[in-house]
């Protein structure tokens, strides 16, 4: 998921590590735990796979103190060897190979449709998918949510006698949220079908 997010953001514009981390946190959510200790190794893997390229730019921002020796060391190594006349930083950009890898990761059918963050991330980059792949992504997600809703309703029904009012209310709130998500997906799917000429 991290590699997909990195490639998707770099597809939009070249970024240095600090800005990339900020945008990843925004894309993946504040609880995604994207650290410099995970970002720079992921960038190194993508660079080794020739999916991203790094170029030097001037006037790097200060390395933020993260409390992680590994992350701070990785951030420092990514920016060493400054150019004459200024401090250097690495700016990363996507390559042609990276574009292909991004498409593969975006179109890949996740082994588990239960990963809400993975779906949300793919949806954020959905504009890069061909229409049939977009529709497939939305329909798979809808099918998964329908199954989730059925399980939740069965669980509430089976355990109603043992549940206190707060637990039951929390579970019912979850089913209502899933029902809203299904309704939202129905709207997106209908729009995709209209635009793709596959109205059913």
N, C-alpha and C. Protein backbone atom coordinates (compact mmCIF):
# COMPACT_ATOMS: atom_id res chain seq x y z
N UNK A 1 0.83 -1.20 0.00
CA UNK A 1 0.00 0.00 0.00
C UNK A 1 0.87 1.26 0.00
N UNK A 2 1.99 1.23 0.75
CA UNK A 2 2.87 2.40 0.81
C UNK A 2 3.47 2.69 -0.57
N UNK A 3 3.91 1.63 -1.26
CA UNK A 3 4.49 1.82 -2.60
C UNK A 3 3.47 2.41 -3.56
N UNK A 4 2.22 1.92 -3.49
CA UNK A 4 1.16 2.46 -4.34
C UNK A 4 0.95 3.95 -4.06
N UNK A 5 0.92 4.31 -2.79
CA UNK A 5 0.71 5.72 -2.42
C UNK A 5 1.86 6.59 -2.89
N UNK A 6 3.09 6.10 -2.72
CA UNK A 6 4.27 6.87 -3.15
C UNK A 6 4.22 7.10 -4.65
N UNK A 7 3.99 6.03 -5.41
CA UNK A 7 3.97 6.16 -6.88
C UNK A 7 2.83 7.06 -7.34
N UNK A 8 1.67 6.95 -6.68
CA UNK A 8 0.54 7.79 -7.06
C UNK A 8 0.81 9.26 -6.83
N UNK A 9 1.46 9.58 -5.71
CA UNK A 9 1.78 10.98 -5.43
C UNK A 9 2.87 11.49 -6.36
N UNK A 10 3.85 10.64 -6.66
CA UNK A 10 4.93 11.07 -7.56
C UNK A 10 4.44 11.17 -9.00
N UNK A 11 3.37 10.45 -9.32
CA UNK A 11 2.78 10.57 -10.66
C UNK A 11 2.23 11.97 -10.85
N UNK A 12 1.78 12.59 -9.75
CA UNK A 12 1.21 13.93 -9.82
C UNK A 12 2.29 15.00 -9.88
N UNK A 13 3.39 14.81 -9.14
CA UNK A 13 4.51 15.76 -9.21
C UNK A 13 5.73 15.20 -8.47
N UNK A 14 6.90 15.70 -8.82
CA UNK A 14 8.12 15.31 -8.13
C UNK A 14 8.12 15.93 -6.73
N UNK A 15 8.58 15.15 -5.74
CA UNK A 15 8.55 15.59 -4.34
C UNK A 15 9.82 15.15 -3.62
N UNK A 16 10.22 15.94 -2.63
CA UNK A 16 11.32 15.49 -1.77
C UNK A 16 10.72 14.71 -0.60
N UNK A 17 11.55 13.99 0.13
CA UNK A 17 11.09 13.07 1.15
C UNK A 17 10.20 13.70 2.20
N UNK A 18 10.55 14.89 2.68
CA UNK A 18 9.77 15.53 3.74
C UNK A 18 8.36 15.86 3.27
N UNK A 19 8.25 16.43 2.06
CA UNK A 19 6.93 16.76 1.50
C UNK A 19 6.14 15.49 1.18
N UNK A 20 6.85 14.47 0.70
CA UNK A 20 6.20 13.20 0.39
C UNK A 20 5.60 12.59 1.65
N UNK A 21 6.33 12.65 2.77
CA UNK A 21 5.80 12.12 4.04
C UNK A 21 4.54 12.86 4.45
N UNK A 22 4.54 14.20 4.33
CA UNK A 22 3.35 14.99 4.69
C UNK A 22 2.16 14.59 3.83
N UNK A 23 2.39 14.41 2.54
CA UNK A 23 1.28 14.07 1.63
C UNK A 23 0.80 12.64 1.85
N UNK A 24 1.73 11.74 2.19
CA UNK A 24 1.35 10.36 2.48
C UNK A 24 0.45 10.31 3.71
N UNK A 25 0.80 11.08 4.73
CA UNK A 25 -0.01 11.12 5.94
C UNK A 25 -1.41 11.62 5.61
N UNK A 26 -1.50 12.63 4.73
CA UNK A 26 -2.81 13.14 4.32
C UNK A 26 -3.58 12.09 3.51
N UNK A 27 -2.86 11.36 2.62
CA UNK A 27 -3.52 10.38 1.75
C UNK A 27 -3.94 9.13 2.52
N UNK A 28 -3.09 8.68 3.45
CA UNK A 28 -3.35 7.42 4.15
C UNK A 28 -4.07 7.63 5.48
N UNK A 29 -4.13 8.87 5.94
CA UNK A 29 -4.80 9.15 7.20
C UNK A 29 -3.80 9.32 8.33
N UNK A 30 -4.19 10.06 9.36
CA UNK A 30 -3.26 10.38 10.44
C UNK A 30 -2.81 9.18 11.25
N UNK A 31 -3.54 8.06 11.18
CA UNK A 31 -3.17 6.88 11.96
C UNK A 31 -2.42 5.85 11.12
N UNK A 32 -1.90 6.28 9.97
CA UNK A 32 -1.23 5.35 9.07
C UNK A 32 0.18 5.02 9.51
N UNK A 33 0.75 5.80 10.42
CA UNK A 33 2.10 5.55 10.95
C UNK A 33 3.17 5.55 9.87
N UNK A 34 3.05 6.45 8.88
CA UNK A 34 4.11 6.58 7.90
C UNK A 34 5.24 7.36 8.55
N UNK A 35 6.38 6.70 8.72
CA UNK A 35 7.53 7.33 9.34
C UNK A 35 8.65 7.42 8.32
N UNK A 36 9.66 8.23 8.64
CA UNK A 36 10.82 8.28 7.76
C UNK A 36 11.51 6.92 7.73
N UNK A 37 11.39 6.17 8.83
CA UNK A 37 11.98 4.83 8.90
C UNK A 37 11.32 3.84 7.96
N UNK A 38 10.07 4.10 7.55
CA UNK A 38 9.42 3.23 6.56
C UNK A 38 9.43 3.86 5.17
N UNK A 39 9.39 5.21 5.11
CA UNK A 39 9.35 5.89 3.83
C UNK A 39 10.64 5.72 3.04
N UNK A 40 11.79 6.00 3.66
CA UNK A 40 13.04 5.96 2.90
C UNK A 40 13.43 4.56 2.45
N UNK A 41 13.22 3.51 3.26
CA UNK A 41 13.46 2.17 2.71
C UNK A 41 12.54 1.83 1.54
N UNK A 42 11.27 2.29 1.60
CA UNK A 42 10.35 2.06 0.48
C UNK A 42 10.83 2.80 -0.77
N UNK A 43 11.29 4.03 -0.59
CA UNK A 43 11.84 4.78 -1.72
C UNK A 43 13.09 4.10 -2.28
N UNK A 44 13.92 3.57 -1.38
CA UNK A 44 15.14 2.88 -1.82
C UNK A 44 14.78 1.63 -2.63
N UNK A 45 13.75 0.90 -2.18
CA UNK A 45 13.31 -0.29 -2.94
C UNK A 45 12.79 0.10 -4.32
N UNK A 46 12.00 1.16 -4.36
CA UNK A 46 11.45 1.61 -5.64
C UNK A 46 12.55 2.15 -6.56
N UNK A 47 13.55 2.80 -5.96
CA UNK A 47 14.67 3.31 -6.75
C UNK A 47 15.50 2.15 -7.31
N UNK A 48 15.71 1.11 -6.48
CA UNK A 48 16.46 -0.07 -6.93
C UNK A 48 15.71 -0.79 -8.04
N UNK A 49 14.39 -0.75 -7.99
CA UNK A 49 13.56 -1.38 -9.03
C UNK A 49 13.38 -0.48 -10.25
N UNK A 50 14.05 0.70 -10.22
CA UNK A 50 13.97 1.69 -11.29
C UNK A 50 12.54 2.20 -11.51
N UNK A 51 11.75 2.20 -10.42
CA UNK A 51 10.39 2.71 -10.50
C UNK A 51 10.35 4.20 -10.17
N UNK A 52 11.34 4.67 -9.41
CA UNK A 52 11.47 6.10 -9.15
C UNK A 52 12.90 6.51 -9.44
N UNK A 53 13.07 7.79 -9.72
CA UNK A 53 14.40 8.35 -9.93
C UNK A 53 14.58 9.48 -8.93
N UNK A 54 15.83 9.73 -8.57
CA UNK A 54 16.10 10.81 -7.62
C UNK A 54 17.03 11.81 -8.27
N UNK A 55 16.71 13.07 -8.11
CA UNK A 55 17.58 14.14 -8.60
C UNK A 55 17.86 15.07 -7.44
N UNK A 56 18.95 15.83 -7.53
CA UNK A 56 19.31 16.74 -6.44
C UNK A 56 18.66 18.10 -6.68
N UNK A 57 18.20 18.72 -5.61
CA UNK A 57 17.70 20.08 -5.65
C UNK A 57 18.32 20.84 -4.48
N UNK A 58 18.24 22.15 -4.53
CA UNK A 58 18.91 22.96 -3.51
C UNK A 58 17.98 23.30 -2.34
N UNK A 59 18.61 23.74 -1.27
CA UNK A 59 17.93 24.27 -0.09
C UNK A 59 16.97 23.26 0.53
N UNK A 60 17.55 22.24 1.13
CA UNK A 60 16.75 21.23 1.80
C UNK A 60 16.20 21.78 3.10
N UNK A 61 14.99 21.36 3.47
CA UNK A 61 14.47 21.75 4.78
C UNK A 61 15.24 20.98 5.85
N UNK A 62 15.17 21.41 7.10
CA UNK A 62 15.86 20.67 8.15
C UNK A 62 15.26 19.29 8.32
N UNK A 63 16.10 18.34 8.75
CA UNK A 63 15.60 16.99 9.01
C UNK A 63 14.82 17.03 10.31
N UNK A 64 13.54 16.68 10.28
CA UNK A 64 12.75 16.73 11.51
C UNK A 64 13.18 15.66 12.49
N UNK A 65 13.13 15.97 13.77
CA UNK A 65 13.45 14.99 14.80
C UNK A 65 12.23 14.10 14.97
N UNK A 66 12.40 12.80 14.75
CA UNK A 66 11.27 11.89 14.80
C UNK A 66 11.31 10.98 16.01
N UNK A 67 12.45 10.96 16.70
CA UNK A 67 12.59 10.01 17.81
C UNK A 67 13.03 8.65 17.33
N UNK A 68 13.15 8.48 16.02
CA UNK A 68 13.59 7.21 15.46
C UNK A 68 14.98 7.41 14.86
N UNK A 69 15.97 6.79 15.48
CA UNK A 69 17.35 6.91 14.96
C UNK A 69 17.43 6.38 13.53
N UNK A 70 16.74 5.28 13.27
CA UNK A 70 16.77 4.69 11.92
C UNK A 70 16.18 5.65 10.90
N UNK A 71 15.02 6.25 11.23
CA UNK A 71 14.37 7.17 10.30
C UNK A 71 15.18 8.41 10.05
N UNK A 72 15.77 8.99 11.11
CA UNK A 72 16.56 10.20 10.95
C UNK A 72 17.85 9.92 10.17
N UNK A 73 18.45 8.74 10.43
CA UNK A 73 19.66 8.37 9.68
C UNK A 73 19.33 8.17 8.20
N UNK A 74 18.18 7.54 7.93
CA UNK A 74 17.76 7.33 6.53
C UNK A 74 17.51 8.66 5.84
N UNK A 75 16.87 9.60 6.55
CA UNK A 75 16.61 10.92 5.98
C UNK A 75 17.92 11.65 5.71
N UNK A 76 18.87 11.52 6.62
CA UNK A 76 20.16 12.18 6.43
C UNK A 76 20.90 11.59 5.23
N UNK A 77 20.93 10.25 5.13
CA UNK A 77 21.63 9.60 4.01
C UNK A 77 21.03 9.99 2.67
N UNK A 78 19.70 10.18 2.64
CA UNK A 78 19.02 10.53 1.38
C UNK A 78 19.42 11.91 0.89
N UNK A 79 20.02 12.73 1.76
CA UNK A 79 20.32 14.11 1.36
C UNK A 79 21.81 14.44 1.40
N UNK A 80 22.68 13.47 1.63
CA UNK A 80 24.10 13.81 1.77
C UNK A 80 24.71 14.24 0.44
N UNK A 81 25.95 14.63 0.48
CA UNK A 81 26.70 15.12 -0.68
C UNK A 81 26.05 16.34 -1.31
N UNK A 82 26.05 17.46 -0.58
CA UNK A 82 25.45 18.68 -1.15
C UNK A 82 26.22 19.21 -2.34
N UNK A 83 25.51 19.87 -3.21
CA UNK A 83 26.14 20.54 -4.36
C UNK A 83 26.89 21.77 -3.89
N UNK A 84 27.84 22.22 -4.69
CA UNK A 84 28.54 23.46 -4.38
C UNK A 84 27.55 24.62 -4.41
N UNK A 85 27.68 25.51 -3.45
CA UNK A 85 26.84 26.70 -3.42
C UNK A 85 25.50 26.52 -2.73
N UNK A 86 25.26 25.36 -2.14
CA UNK A 86 24.01 25.18 -1.42
C UNK A 86 23.87 23.78 -0.87
N UNK A 87 22.94 23.60 0.05
CA UNK A 87 22.69 22.27 0.59
C UNK A 87 21.77 21.52 -0.37
N UNK A 88 22.02 20.23 -0.51
CA UNK A 88 21.26 19.45 -1.48
C UNK A 88 20.21 18.58 -0.80
N UNK A 89 19.19 18.27 -1.53
CA UNK A 89 18.19 17.31 -1.08
C UNK A 89 17.78 16.49 -2.28
N UNK A 90 17.27 15.30 -2.01
CA UNK A 90 16.80 14.45 -3.10
C UNK A 90 15.35 14.79 -3.41
N UNK A 91 15.08 14.95 -4.66
CA UNK A 91 13.71 15.09 -5.13
C UNK A 91 13.41 13.85 -5.96
N UNK A 92 12.31 13.19 -5.65
CA UNK A 92 11.97 11.93 -6.31
C UNK A 92 10.92 12.15 -7.38
N UNK A 93 11.06 11.40 -8.46
CA UNK A 93 10.08 11.44 -9.54
C UNK A 93 9.82 10.02 -10.02
N UNK A 94 8.68 9.81 -10.65
CA UNK A 94 8.31 8.48 -11.14
C UNK A 94 8.94 8.25 -12.52
N UNK A 95 9.32 7.01 -12.81
CA UNK A 95 9.89 6.64 -14.10
C UNK A 95 8.82 5.93 -14.93
N UNK A 96 9.19 5.59 -16.16
CA UNK A 96 8.26 4.84 -17.01
C UNK A 96 7.95 3.48 -16.39
N UNK A 97 8.98 2.85 -15.83
CA UNK A 97 8.77 1.56 -15.15
C UNK A 97 7.86 1.75 -13.93
N UNK A 98 8.05 2.86 -13.24
CA UNK A 98 7.21 3.17 -12.08
C UNK A 98 5.76 3.37 -12.47
N UNK A 99 5.54 4.00 -13.63
CA UNK A 99 4.17 4.19 -14.14
C UNK A 99 3.49 2.83 -14.33
N UNK A 100 4.23 1.87 -14.90
CA UNK A 100 3.66 0.54 -15.14
C UNK A 100 3.39 -0.17 -13.82
N UNK A 101 4.34 -0.06 -12.87
CA UNK A 101 4.15 -0.68 -11.56
C UNK A 101 2.95 -0.08 -10.85
N UNK A 102 2.79 1.24 -10.94
CA UNK A 102 1.64 1.92 -10.33
C UNK A 102 0.34 1.36 -10.89
N UNK A 103 0.26 1.20 -12.21
CA UNK A 103 -0.95 0.65 -12.83
C UNK A 103 -1.23 -0.76 -12.33
N UNK A 104 -0.17 -1.59 -12.22
CA UNK A 104 -0.33 -2.97 -11.75
C UNK A 104 -0.85 -2.99 -10.31
N UNK A 105 -0.26 -2.16 -9.44
CA UNK A 105 -0.67 -2.13 -8.04
C UNK A 105 -2.09 -1.61 -7.90
N UNK A 106 -2.44 -0.62 -8.71
CA UNK A 106 -3.77 -0.03 -8.64
C UNK A 106 -4.85 -1.00 -9.11
N UNK A 107 -4.52 -1.80 -10.14
CA UNK A 107 -5.50 -2.73 -10.70
C UNK A 107 -5.54 -4.06 -9.97
N UNK A 108 -4.52 -4.33 -9.13
CA UNK A 108 -4.45 -5.63 -8.44
C UNK A 108 -5.66 -5.82 -7.55
N UNK A 109 -6.23 -7.02 -7.62
CA UNK A 109 -7.37 -7.35 -6.76
C UNK A 109 -6.80 -7.78 -5.41
N UNK A 110 -7.07 -7.00 -4.38
CA UNK A 110 -6.54 -7.30 -3.06
C UNK A 110 -7.00 -8.67 -2.60
N UNK A 111 -6.12 -9.37 -1.89
CA UNK A 111 -6.48 -10.70 -1.40
C UNK A 111 -7.60 -10.61 -0.38
N UNK A 112 -7.67 -9.48 0.32
CA UNK A 112 -8.75 -9.27 1.28
C UNK A 112 -9.44 -7.94 0.97
N UNK A 113 -10.73 -8.02 0.71
CA UNK A 113 -11.49 -6.79 0.46
C UNK A 113 -11.81 -6.07 1.76
N UNK A 114 -11.31 -6.61 2.88
CA UNK A 114 -11.65 -6.05 4.18
C UNK A 114 -10.76 -4.89 4.58
N UNK A 115 -9.83 -4.52 3.73
CA UNK A 115 -8.90 -3.44 4.07
C UNK A 115 -9.48 -2.11 3.60
N UNK A 116 -10.10 -1.39 4.53
CA UNK A 116 -10.74 -0.12 4.19
C UNK A 116 -9.74 0.90 3.68
N UNK A 117 -8.55 0.95 4.31
CA UNK A 117 -7.55 1.94 3.89
C UNK A 117 -7.06 1.68 2.48
N UNK A 118 -6.87 0.40 2.13
CA UNK A 118 -6.41 0.07 0.77
C UNK A 118 -7.45 0.50 -0.26
N UNK A 119 -8.73 0.25 0.04
CA UNK A 119 -9.77 0.67 -0.91
C UNK A 119 -9.80 2.18 -1.04
N UNK A 120 -9.75 2.89 0.09
CA UNK A 120 -9.79 4.35 0.05
C UNK A 120 -8.62 4.91 -0.74
N UNK A 121 -7.45 4.31 -0.58
CA UNK A 121 -6.27 4.76 -1.33
C UNK A 121 -6.47 4.53 -2.82
N UNK A 122 -6.94 3.35 -3.18
CA UNK A 122 -7.17 3.06 -4.60
C UNK A 122 -8.23 4.00 -5.19
N UNK A 123 -9.24 4.29 -4.39
CA UNK A 123 -10.28 5.20 -4.87
C UNK A 123 -9.71 6.60 -5.10
N UNK A 124 -8.76 7.02 -4.26
CA UNK A 124 -8.15 8.34 -4.42
C UNK A 124 -7.41 8.46 -5.75
N UNK A 125 -6.90 7.33 -6.27
CA UNK A 125 -6.18 7.34 -7.54
C UNK A 125 -7.00 6.70 -8.66
N UNK A 126 -8.29 6.52 -8.43
CA UNK A 126 -9.17 5.81 -9.35
C UNK A 126 -9.23 6.44 -10.75
N UNK A 127 -8.97 7.76 -10.81
CA UNK A 127 -9.03 8.44 -12.11
C UNK A 127 -8.01 7.90 -13.10
N UNK A 128 -6.98 7.21 -12.60
CA UNK A 128 -5.95 6.65 -13.48
C UNK A 128 -6.32 5.27 -14.01
N UNK A 129 -7.42 4.69 -13.52
CA UNK A 129 -7.84 3.38 -13.99
C UNK A 129 -8.71 3.49 -15.23
N UNK A 130 -8.66 2.49 -16.12
CA UNK A 130 -9.63 2.48 -17.23
C UNK A 130 -11.03 2.24 -16.68
N UNK A 131 -12.07 2.65 -17.41
CA UNK A 131 -13.45 2.57 -16.90
C UNK A 131 -13.86 1.19 -16.39
N UNK A 132 -13.50 0.11 -17.12
CA UNK A 132 -13.92 -1.22 -16.68
C UNK A 132 -13.23 -1.62 -15.37
N UNK A 133 -11.99 -1.20 -15.18
CA UNK A 133 -11.28 -1.51 -13.94
C UNK A 133 -11.85 -0.70 -12.78
N UNK A 134 -12.24 0.55 -13.04
CA UNK A 134 -12.89 1.37 -11.99
C UNK A 134 -14.18 0.71 -11.54
N UNK A 135 -14.98 0.28 -12.52
CA UNK A 135 -16.25 -0.36 -12.21
C UNK A 135 -16.02 -1.65 -11.42
N UNK A 136 -15.03 -2.43 -11.82
CA UNK A 136 -14.71 -3.67 -11.11
C UNK A 136 -14.32 -3.41 -9.66
N UNK A 137 -13.51 -2.39 -9.44
CA UNK A 137 -13.09 -2.03 -8.08
C UNK A 137 -14.30 -1.68 -7.22
N UNK A 138 -15.20 -0.87 -7.76
CA UNK A 138 -16.38 -0.45 -7.01
C UNK A 138 -17.33 -1.62 -6.75
N UNK A 139 -17.50 -2.49 -7.74
CA UNK A 139 -18.41 -3.63 -7.56
C UNK A 139 -17.86 -4.64 -6.56
N UNK A 140 -16.54 -4.88 -6.58
CA UNK A 140 -15.93 -5.79 -5.59
C UNK A 140 -16.10 -5.23 -4.19
N UNK A 141 -15.90 -3.93 -4.05
CA UNK A 141 -16.06 -3.30 -2.74
C UNK A 141 -17.50 -3.40 -2.26
N UNK A 142 -18.45 -3.19 -3.16
CA UNK A 142 -19.86 -3.27 -2.78
C UNK A 142 -20.19 -4.69 -2.32
N UNK A 143 -19.74 -5.69 -3.06
CA UNK A 143 -20.01 -7.09 -2.69
C UNK A 143 -19.43 -7.40 -1.31
N UNK A 144 -18.25 -6.89 -1.05
CA UNK A 144 -17.64 -7.11 0.27
C UNK A 144 -18.47 -6.47 1.38
N UNK A 145 -18.94 -5.24 1.14
CA UNK A 145 -19.72 -4.55 2.16
C UNK A 145 -21.07 -5.22 2.40
N UNK A 146 -21.67 -5.77 1.35
CA UNK A 146 -22.94 -6.49 1.51
C UNK A 146 -22.72 -7.70 2.41
N UNK A 147 -21.61 -8.41 2.21
CA UNK A 147 -21.28 -9.56 3.07
C UNK A 147 -21.03 -9.10 4.50
N UNK A 148 -20.29 -8.00 4.65
CA UNK A 148 -20.00 -7.47 5.99
C UNK A 148 -21.29 -7.10 6.72
N UNK A 149 -22.22 -6.47 5.99
CA UNK A 149 -23.49 -6.06 6.57
C UNK A 149 -24.30 -7.28 7.03
N UNK A 150 -24.34 -8.32 6.20
CA UNK A 150 -25.10 -9.52 6.56
C UNK A 150 -24.52 -10.17 7.82
N UNK A 151 -23.19 -10.24 7.91
CA UNK A 151 -22.55 -10.82 9.10
C UNK A 151 -22.87 -10.00 10.35
N UNK A 152 -22.80 -8.68 10.21
CA UNK A 152 -23.05 -7.81 11.36
C UNK A 152 -24.48 -7.93 11.85
N UNK A 153 -25.43 -7.97 10.92
CA UNK A 153 -26.85 -8.09 11.30
C UNK A 153 -27.12 -9.44 11.97
N UNK A 154 -26.49 -10.49 11.44
CA UNK A 154 -26.66 -11.81 12.05
C UNK A 154 -26.07 -11.83 13.45
N UNK A 155 -24.95 -11.17 13.64
CA UNK A 155 -24.30 -11.12 14.95
C UNK A 155 -25.16 -10.37 15.96
N UNK A 156 -25.75 -9.26 15.51
CA UNK A 156 -26.63 -8.48 16.41
C UNK A 156 -27.84 -9.32 16.80
N UNK A 157 -28.42 -10.00 15.81
CA UNK A 157 -29.61 -10.81 16.08
C UNK A 157 -29.30 -11.96 17.04
N UNK A 158 -28.16 -12.62 16.81
CA UNK A 158 -27.80 -13.77 17.65
C UNK A 158 -27.45 -13.36 19.07
N UNK A 159 -26.86 -12.19 19.24
CA UNK A 159 -26.40 -11.80 20.57
C UNK A 159 -27.23 -10.75 21.25
N UNK A 160 -28.40 -10.44 20.71
CA UNK A 160 -29.21 -9.34 21.24
C UNK A 160 -29.51 -9.50 22.73
N UNK A 161 -29.79 -10.71 23.17
CA UNK A 161 -30.16 -10.94 24.57
C UNK A 161 -28.99 -10.70 25.52
N UNK A 162 -27.77 -10.95 25.04
CA UNK A 162 -26.59 -10.82 25.91
C UNK A 162 -25.99 -9.42 25.88
N UNK A 163 -26.39 -8.60 24.92
CA UNK A 163 -25.78 -7.27 24.76
C UNK A 163 -26.44 -6.23 25.65
N UNK A 164 -25.61 -5.33 26.17
CA UNK A 164 -26.19 -4.17 26.85
C UNK A 164 -26.57 -3.14 25.79
N UNK A 165 -27.27 -2.12 26.20
CA UNK A 165 -27.80 -1.13 25.25
C UNK A 165 -26.69 -0.41 24.49
N UNK A 166 -25.55 -0.19 25.16
CA UNK A 166 -24.45 0.55 24.51
C UNK A 166 -23.77 -0.29 23.44
N UNK A 167 -23.53 -1.54 23.76
CA UNK A 167 -22.89 -2.43 22.77
C UNK A 167 -23.80 -2.61 21.56
N UNK A 168 -25.10 -2.82 21.82
CA UNK A 168 -26.05 -2.98 20.72
C UNK A 168 -26.11 -1.70 19.87
N UNK A 169 -26.12 -0.55 20.54
CA UNK A 169 -26.16 0.73 19.82
C UNK A 169 -24.93 0.91 18.96
N UNK A 170 -23.76 0.53 19.49
CA UNK A 170 -22.51 0.64 18.73
C UNK A 170 -22.55 -0.25 17.49
N UNK A 171 -23.03 -1.48 17.65
CA UNK A 171 -23.10 -2.40 16.52
C UNK A 171 -24.12 -1.91 15.48
N UNK A 172 -25.24 -1.38 15.94
CA UNK A 172 -26.24 -0.86 15.01
C UNK A 172 -25.70 0.37 14.26
N UNK A 173 -24.93 1.17 14.96
CA UNK A 173 -24.29 2.32 14.31
C UNK A 173 -23.36 1.84 13.19
N UNK A 174 -22.62 0.76 13.45
CA UNK A 174 -21.74 0.19 12.42
C UNK A 174 -22.50 -0.31 11.21
N UNK A 175 -23.65 -0.96 11.44
CA UNK A 175 -24.43 -1.45 10.30
C UNK A 175 -25.02 -0.29 9.49
N UNK A 176 -25.42 0.77 10.20
CA UNK A 176 -25.94 1.95 9.49
C UNK A 176 -24.86 2.60 8.63
N UNK A 177 -23.64 2.65 9.15
CA UNK A 177 -22.52 3.21 8.38
C UNK A 177 -22.24 2.36 7.15
N UNK A 178 -22.31 1.04 7.30
CA UNK A 178 -22.09 0.15 6.16
C UNK A 178 -23.19 0.32 5.13
N UNK A 179 -24.43 0.47 5.58
CA UNK A 179 -25.54 0.69 4.65
C UNK A 179 -25.35 2.00 3.88
N UNK A 180 -24.88 3.05 4.56
CA UNK A 180 -24.61 4.32 3.86
C UNK A 180 -23.50 4.15 2.82
N UNK A 181 -22.46 3.38 3.19
CA UNK A 181 -21.36 3.14 2.23
C UNK A 181 -21.85 2.39 1.00
N UNK A 182 -22.74 1.42 1.20
CA UNK A 182 -23.30 0.67 0.07
C UNK A 182 -24.11 1.60 -0.83
N UNK A 183 -24.91 2.47 -0.22
CA UNK A 183 -25.71 3.43 -0.99
C UNK A 183 -24.80 4.37 -1.79
N UNK A 184 -23.73 4.83 -1.15
CA UNK A 184 -22.76 5.71 -1.83
C UNK A 184 -22.11 4.99 -3.01
N UNK A 185 -21.74 3.71 -2.80
CA UNK A 185 -21.15 2.94 -3.89
C UNK A 185 -22.14 2.71 -5.02
N UNK A 186 -23.41 2.50 -4.66
CA UNK A 186 -24.44 2.33 -5.70
C UNK A 186 -24.48 3.56 -6.62
N UNK A 187 -24.35 4.75 -6.01
CA UNK A 187 -24.35 5.99 -6.80
C UNK A 187 -23.13 6.05 -7.71
N UNK A 188 -21.96 5.71 -7.16
CA UNK A 188 -20.73 5.72 -7.97
C UNK A 188 -20.80 4.71 -9.10
N UNK A 189 -21.33 3.53 -8.81
CA UNK A 189 -21.43 2.47 -9.83
C UNK A 189 -22.40 2.90 -10.93
N UNK A 190 -23.53 3.48 -10.55
CA UNK A 190 -24.50 3.95 -11.55
C UNK A 190 -23.88 5.01 -12.45
N UNK A 191 -23.10 5.91 -11.85
CA UNK A 191 -22.43 6.97 -12.63
C UNK A 191 -21.43 6.35 -13.60
N UNK A 192 -20.64 5.39 -13.12
CA UNK A 192 -19.65 4.73 -13.98
C UNK A 192 -20.34 4.04 -15.16
N UNK A 193 -21.45 3.37 -14.87
CA UNK A 193 -22.15 2.66 -15.94
C UNK A 193 -22.73 3.62 -16.97
N UNK A 194 -23.27 4.74 -16.48
CA UNK A 194 -23.80 5.75 -17.42
C UNK A 194 -22.70 6.30 -18.30
N UNK A 195 -21.58 6.66 -17.68
CA UNK A 195 -20.47 7.27 -18.44
C UNK A 195 -19.83 6.26 -19.38
N UNK A 196 -19.84 4.98 -18.97
CA UNK A 196 -19.22 3.95 -19.82
C UNK A 196 -20.18 3.31 -20.80
N UNK A 197 -21.45 3.74 -20.75
CA UNK A 197 -22.44 3.18 -21.68
C UNK A 197 -22.80 1.75 -21.35
N UNK A 198 -22.66 1.37 -20.05
CA UNK A 198 -22.99 -0.01 -19.66
C UNK A 198 -24.13 -0.02 -18.66
N UNK A 199 -25.07 0.89 -18.80
CA UNK A 199 -26.23 0.96 -17.90
C UNK A 199 -26.97 -0.37 -17.92
N UNK A 200 -27.26 -0.87 -16.69
CA UNK A 200 -27.96 -2.17 -16.61
C UNK A 200 -29.28 -1.99 -15.93
